[in-house]
Amino acid sequence: MSGFIVKQPGLLTLIQDRGRFGAHHLGLTTGGPLDAMAFDWANRLLGNDENATCLEISFGGLSLEAEVDTAIVITGAKSVCKINGKQISQWQTCSIKKGDILETGFASEGVRSYLSVAGGFDIEPSFGSSSTVVREKIGGLHGDKLQAGDRLPCRPNSIGLQLRLADQDQPVYGRQATLRVVKGYQQAAFDPIQHWRFFNSTYQVTERSDRMGFRLEGEVIHSSMVGMLSEGICHGAIQIPADGQPIVLMNDRQTIGGYPKIGSVIPLDTARLAQLTPGSGVRFEAISIEQAHNLHWLEKSRYQRTQPVKV
């Protein structure tokens, strides 16, 4: 099947759908897009299925050659995107023809962008998902990031109505974020002083951050737990290892771990964390599980009520 040929793969471009669920008992993690909102809009603007396979482009530098006539959308991190050298807008549908060259520049705001194609990329699923998890060598084309010469299959398609997300509805990616946290059942392993330090300090995103976890640097947090059995780990869990520097676990986290956890960052805010560059500032705010539940449904309602506009 024809589709797109990868001319330049960029620094880290991965094939992703919404993720691989129900496979933790096999030792397989979830994967999926780090910024689910940007991923969802990439598909919605094309009328795709919400689980249609897209590309997650970290930092930029991707170049593709089209082998079919179709339509695309690029959302997420701000960069200069071009078709045949002519700049195109993000967060809106764009037609692309056979032989055209699509390029995404390096991100100037944010880190992760998402490229969708009409109908989605036609990738054979592994364990129920096309999502690539490099550590597990699973998903995508060959369980790895894209390489020059790879072919991304998709079917010819056309979009009669071009849509875009209005400027006021597009996210703004900055250099700092306050992450809302639901405290975990191990919170008692951290005395009141440690809690005060954690929730009243600014941490920096380090260069040792990736899709497995974001390692932060700042005030050292101590736990009274000197050892524990490994246990299942949820998305957003904040581990405090022996060095006292928090690690926020992300989509490609290991399925079990043995460090105490002070709480978990809500999914809305792990997406914001994923768009921060190294050196960005992070603070934490404690909320109740009821507040987290309300925030989840309010955001879901907002997404459903927000309507794209005609180009």
Protein backbone atom coordinates (compact mmCIF):
# COMPACT_ATOMS: atom_id res chain seq x y z
CA MET A 1 0.00 0.00 0.00
CA SER A 2 1.18 3.52 -0.78
CA GLY A 3 1.30 6.31 1.78
CA PHE A 4 4.20 8.49 2.89
CA ILE A 5 7.95 7.84 2.59
CA VAL A 6 10.12 9.06 5.46
CA LYS A 7 12.87 11.29 4.05
CA GLN A 8 14.10 12.60 7.43
CA PRO A 9 12.75 11.00 10.62
CA GLY A 10 13.45 13.90 12.99
CA LEU A 11 14.89 13.45 16.46
CA LEU A 12 12.16 11.15 17.75
CA THR A 13 9.05 10.37 15.73
CA LEU A 14 6.81 7.53 16.89
CA ILE A 15 3.68 5.87 15.56
CA GLN A 16 0.93 6.15 18.20
CA ASP A 17 -2.73 5.43 18.68
CA ARG A 18 -4.48 6.00 22.02
CA GLY A 19 -2.47 3.25 23.69
CA ARG A 20 -2.23 -0.44 24.60
CA PHE A 21 -4.67 -1.28 27.37
CA GLY A 22 -5.26 -4.53 29.24
CA ALA A 23 -1.75 -5.93 28.75
CA HIS A 24 -0.03 -5.02 32.03
CA HIS A 25 -0.29 -8.65 33.16
CA LEU A 26 1.99 -9.46 30.21
CA GLY A 27 4.49 -6.80 31.31
CA LEU A 28 3.48 -4.49 28.45
CA THR A 29 3.00 -0.82 29.25
CA THR A 30 0.38 1.53 27.81
CA GLY A 31 2.23 3.79 25.39
CA GLY A 32 0.04 6.23 23.48
CA PRO A 33 0.29 10.01 23.04
CA LEU A 34 1.92 12.06 25.79
CA ASP A 35 -0.42 14.95 24.98
CA ALA A 36 -3.82 13.29 24.49
CA MET A 37 -5.65 16.57 23.80
CA ALA A 38 -3.40 17.51 20.87
CA PHE A 39 -3.67 13.92 19.59
CA ASP A 40 -7.48 14.00 19.81
CA TRP A 41 -7.75 17.27 17.89
CA ALA A 42 -5.42 15.98 15.17
CA ASN A 43 -7.94 13.22 14.46
CA ARG A 44 -11.11 15.20 15.11
CA LEU A 45 -10.25 17.93 12.58
CA LEU A 46 -10.14 15.23 9.90
CA GLY A 47 -13.23 13.37 11.08
CA ASN A 48 -11.11 10.32 11.94
CA ASP A 49 -11.94 7.64 14.46
CA GLU A 50 -10.72 8.80 17.88
CA ASN A 51 -8.24 5.89 17.97
CA ALA A 52 -6.84 6.47 14.47
CA THR A 53 -3.07 6.06 14.25
CA CYS A 54 -1.03 9.29 14.11
CA LEU A 55 2.61 10.33 14.42
CA GLU A 56 3.99 11.85 17.62
CA ILE A 57 6.86 14.15 16.64
CA SER A 58 9.18 15.14 19.48
CA PHE A 59 11.19 18.33 18.90
CA GLY A 60 10.56 18.31 15.11
CA GLY A 61 12.73 17.78 12.05
CA LEU A 62 10.43 15.34 10.21
CA SER A 63 10.28 15.25 6.41
CA LEU A 64 7.84 13.06 4.43
CA GLU A 65 7.09 12.52 0.74
CA ALA A 66 3.45 11.85 -0.13
CA GLU A 67 2.63 8.94 -2.44
CA VAL A 68 -1.13 9.60 -2.32
CA ASP A 69 -3.57 12.50 -2.49
CA THR A 70 -4.98 13.03 0.99
CA ALA A 71 -5.34 15.55 3.83
CA ILE A 72 -3.33 16.10 7.00
CA VAL A 73 -3.45 18.00 10.29
CA ILE A 74 -0.56 19.00 12.55
CA THR A 75 -1.33 19.95 16.16
CA GLY A 76 0.68 20.39 19.36
CA ALA A 77 4.04 22.11 19.66
CA LYS A 78 4.46 25.25 17.59
CA SER A 79 6.87 24.98 14.66
CA VAL A 80 7.22 26.09 11.05
CA CYS A 81 5.53 23.44 8.91
CA LYS A 82 5.75 23.46 5.12
CA ILE A 83 4.45 21.65 2.05
CA ASN A 84 6.81 22.07 -0.91
CA GLY A 85 8.52 24.93 0.91
CA LYS A 86 5.30 26.87 1.51
CA GLN A 87 4.32 27.37 5.14
CA ILE A 88 1.05 25.80 6.28
CA SER A 89 -1.01 26.43 9.40
CA GLN A 90 -1.17 24.07 12.33
CA TRP A 91 -4.46 23.02 13.96
CA GLN A 92 -6.24 22.92 10.60
CA THR A 93 -6.81 20.53 7.71
CA CYS A 94 -4.48 20.85 4.72
CA SER A 95 -4.63 19.02 1.41
CA ILE A 96 -1.51 17.25 0.20
CA LYS A 97 -0.88 15.71 -3.23
CA LYS A 98 1.17 12.81 -4.51
CA GLY A 99 4.81 13.90 -4.79
CA ASP A 100 4.51 16.73 -2.26
CA ILE A 101 7.15 17.12 0.46
CA LEU A 102 5.92 17.80 3.98
CA GLU A 103 8.36 19.23 6.53
CA THR A 104 8.00 20.06 10.21
CA GLY A 105 10.51 22.49 11.65
CA PHE A 106 11.95 22.29 15.13
CA ALA A 107 9.59 23.22 17.94
CA SER A 108 9.74 26.81 19.18
CA GLU A 109 6.99 26.41 21.81
CA GLY A 110 6.25 23.05 23.37
CA VAL A 111 7.93 19.76 22.49
CA ARG A 112 5.44 17.24 21.03
CA SER A 113 3.37 17.69 17.88
CA TYR A 114 0.94 15.28 16.24
CA LEU A 115 0.51 14.54 12.55
CA SER A 116 -2.72 12.88 11.46
CA VAL A 117 -3.77 11.80 7.99
CA ALA A 118 -7.32 11.36 6.70
CA GLY A 119 -8.46 7.88 7.69
CA GLY A 120 -5.37 7.32 9.85
CA PHE A 121 -2.15 5.50 9.04
CA ASP A 122 -2.75 1.82 8.28
CA ILE A 123 -0.47 0.13 10.81
CA GLU A 124 -0.87 -3.49 11.90
CA PRO A 125 -1.60 -3.56 15.65
CA SER A 126 0.53 -5.46 18.16
CA PHE A 127 -1.33 -6.70 21.23
CA GLY A 128 -4.30 -4.56 20.26
CA SER A 129 -2.49 -1.29 19.53
CA SER A 130 -0.23 0.35 16.96
CA SER A 131 1.51 2.44 19.66
CA THR A 132 5.30 2.25 19.61
CA VAL A 133 7.12 1.52 22.87
CA VAL A 134 10.83 1.54 22.01
CA ARG A 135 11.93 -0.02 25.31
CA GLU A 136 9.71 -3.04 24.64
CA LYS A 137 10.45 -3.13 20.89
CA ILE A 138 6.74 -3.32 20.16
CA GLY A 139 4.27 -1.46 17.95
CA GLY A 140 4.79 0.86 15.02
CA LEU A 141 6.57 -0.52 11.97
CA HIS A 142 9.40 -2.32 13.75
CA GLY A 143 9.11 -1.49 17.42
CA ASP A 144 11.35 1.55 17.05
CA LYS A 145 11.27 5.22 16.15
CA LEU A 146 10.89 6.11 12.48
CA GLN A 147 13.91 5.67 10.23
CA ALA A 148 14.73 7.24 6.87
CA GLY A 149 13.20 5.13 4.10
CA ASP A 150 10.28 3.84 6.19
CA ARG A 151 6.91 3.78 4.44
CA LEU A 152 3.81 4.89 6.33
CA PRO A 153 0.85 3.26 4.58
CA CYS A 154 -2.46 5.07 4.21
CA ARG A 155 -5.29 5.20 1.70
CA PRO A 156 -5.98 8.03 -0.74
CA ASN A 157 -8.57 10.38 0.69
CA SER A 158 -9.97 13.85 0.34
CA ILE A 159 -11.59 16.34 2.67
CA GLY A 160 -14.28 18.53 1.18
CA LEU A 161 -14.61 20.85 4.18
CA GLN A 162 -11.47 22.33 5.69
CA LEU A 163 -11.64 22.94 9.42
CA ARG A 164 -9.43 24.60 12.00
CA LEU A 165 -9.38 25.04 15.75
CA ALA A 166 -9.89 28.72 16.58
CA ASP A 167 -6.88 30.53 18.02
CA GLN A 168 -8.54 31.11 21.38
CA ASP A 169 -9.14 27.37 21.76
CA GLN A 170 -5.56 26.36 20.99
CA PRO A 171 -3.29 25.62 23.98
CA VAL A 172 -0.40 27.89 24.89
CA TYR A 173 2.82 26.08 25.74
CA GLY A 174 5.05 27.86 28.21
CA ARG A 175 8.14 27.25 30.32
CA GLN A 176 6.43 26.50 33.61
CA ALA A 177 3.46 24.56 34.92
CA THR A 178 1.63 23.81 38.15
CA LEU A 179 0.77 20.12 38.26
CA ARG A 180 -2.23 19.01 40.28
CA VAL A 181 -1.64 15.93 42.43
CA VAL A 182 -3.88 13.40 44.15
CA LYS A 183 -1.98 12.15 47.18
CA GLY A 184 -1.40 8.40 47.25
CA TYR A 185 -1.89 5.81 49.98
CA GLN A 186 1.86 6.00 50.76
CA GLN A 187 1.65 9.70 51.66
CA ALA A 188 2.08 8.75 55.34
CA ALA A 189 5.65 7.69 54.52
CA PHE A 190 6.44 11.41 54.11
CA ASP A 191 6.31 13.54 57.25
CA PRO A 192 4.66 17.01 57.28
CA ILE A 193 7.99 18.76 56.60
CA GLN A 194 8.53 16.66 53.45
CA HIS A 195 4.99 17.43 52.29
CA TRP A 196 5.56 21.15 52.85
CA ARG A 197 8.83 21.07 50.90
CA PHE A 198 7.30 19.13 48.03
CA PHE A 199 4.24 21.35 47.59
CA ASN A 200 6.07 24.66 48.17
CA SER A 201 9.14 24.21 45.96
CA THR A 202 9.88 24.77 42.29
CA TYR A 203 11.49 21.87 40.45
CA GLN A 204 13.26 21.92 37.09
CA VAL A 205 12.70 19.46 34.26
CA THR A 206 16.01 17.71 33.59
CA GLU A 207 17.46 16.44 30.33
CA ARG A 208 17.02 12.90 31.68
CA SER A 209 13.29 13.09 30.99
CA ASP A 210 11.65 10.86 28.39
CA ARG A 211 8.46 8.95 27.62
CA MET A 212 9.07 6.64 30.59
CA GLY A 213 9.30 9.40 33.16
CA PHE A 214 10.17 13.05 33.77
CA ARG A 215 13.04 13.40 36.21
CA LEU A 216 12.92 16.62 38.20
CA GLU A 217 15.57 18.44 40.17
CA GLY A 218 15.09 20.63 43.24
CA GLU A 219 14.33 20.23 46.95
CA VAL A 220 15.27 16.77 48.23
CA ILE A 221 12.32 14.81 49.65
CA HIS A 222 12.89 12.03 52.18
CA SER A 223 10.68 9.03 52.88
CA SER A 224 10.52 6.90 56.00
CA MET A 225 10.26 3.76 53.84
CA VAL A 226 13.60 2.00 53.54
CA GLY A 227 12.38 -0.79 51.28
CA MET A 228 9.19 -2.06 49.70
CA LEU A 229 7.99 -4.78 47.38
CA SER A 230 7.51 -3.80 43.75
CA GLU A 231 3.90 -3.03 42.87
CA GLY A 232 1.84 -1.81 39.94
CA ILE A 233 2.34 1.80 38.90
CA CYS A 234 -0.32 4.14 37.54
CA HIS A 235 0.09 6.87 34.95
CA GLY A 236 1.34 10.10 36.57
CA ALA A 237 2.67 8.40 39.72
CA ILE A 238 5.36 10.49 41.47
CA GLN A 239 8.14 8.22 42.65
CA ILE A 240 10.66 9.43 45.24
CA PRO A 241 13.85 7.37 44.82
CA ALA A 242 16.78 7.26 47.22
CA ASP A 243 18.26 10.56 45.95
CA GLY A 244 15.03 12.37 46.89
CA GLN A 245 14.46 13.83 43.42
CA PRO A 246 10.89 13.24 42.11
CA ILE A 247 10.17 11.25 38.97
CA VAL A 248 6.76 11.66 37.31
CA LEU A 249 6.01 8.42 35.46
CA MET A 250 4.57 8.74 31.97
CA ASN A 251 3.06 6.57 29.22
CA ASP A 252 6.03 4.25 28.68
CA ARG A 253 6.60 3.65 32.42
CA GLN A 254 7.50 0.20 33.66
CA THR A 255 4.46 -1.76 34.84
CA ILE A 256 5.82 -2.28 38.40
CA GLY A 257 8.22 -0.39 40.65
CA GLY A 258 9.58 -0.34 44.18
CA TYR A 259 9.95 3.33 45.14
CA PRO A 260 7.51 5.10 47.50
CA LYS A 261 5.02 7.41 45.77
CA ILE A 262 3.77 10.64 47.31
CA GLY A 263 0.86 10.90 44.85
CA SER A 264 -0.09 11.02 41.18
CA VAL A 265 -0.34 13.88 38.69
CA ILE A 266 -3.71 14.02 36.92
CA PRO A 267 -3.70 13.21 33.16
CA LEU A 268 -4.61 16.79 32.18
CA ASP A 269 -1.35 17.93 33.72
CA THR A 270 0.95 15.11 32.59
CA ALA A 271 0.09 16.37 29.09
CA ARG A 272 1.26 19.86 30.10
CA LEU A 273 4.41 18.37 31.61
CA ALA A 274 5.14 16.53 28.35
CA GLN A 275 5.26 19.85 26.50
CA LEU A 276 7.91 21.36 28.80
CA THR A 277 11.53 21.62 27.67
CA PRO A 278 14.50 20.84 29.97
CA GLY A 279 15.04 23.66 32.46
CA SER A 280 11.34 24.52 32.69
CA GLY A 281 9.86 25.09 36.14
CA VAL A 282 7.35 22.76 37.79
CA ARG A 283 5.33 23.20 40.97
CA PHE A 284 2.84 20.79 42.57
CA GLU A 285 -0.62 21.45 44.01
CA ALA A 286 -2.51 18.90 46.11
CA ILE A 287 -6.17 18.30 45.19
CA SER A 288 -8.76 15.75 46.29
CA ILE A 289 -9.81 12.77 44.21
CA GLU A 290 -13.24 14.40 43.91
CA GLN A 291 -11.65 17.54 42.44
CA ALA A 292 -9.64 15.41 40.02
CA HIS A 293 -12.82 13.62 38.95
CA ASN A 294 -14.59 16.95 38.36
CA LEU A 295 -11.66 18.37 36.39
CA HIS A 296 -11.65 15.28 34.17
CA TRP A 297 -15.35 15.58 33.27
CA LEU A 298 -15.25 19.34 32.89
CA GLU A 299 -12.40 19.01 30.39
CA LYS A 300 -14.24 16.23 28.56
CA SER A 301 -17.34 18.44 28.34
CA ARG A 302 -15.30 21.42 27.16
CA TYR A 303 -13.69 19.33 24.40
CA GLN A 304 -17.07 18.07 23.21
CA ARG A 305 -18.60 21.56 23.24
CA THR A 306 -15.71 23.22 21.41
CA GLN A 307 -16.45 23.26 17.69
CA PRO A 308 -13.90 23.77 14.92
CA VAL A 309 -14.49 26.57 12.44
CA LYS A 310 -14.49 26.53 8.63
CA VAL A 311 -11.29 27.71 6.96
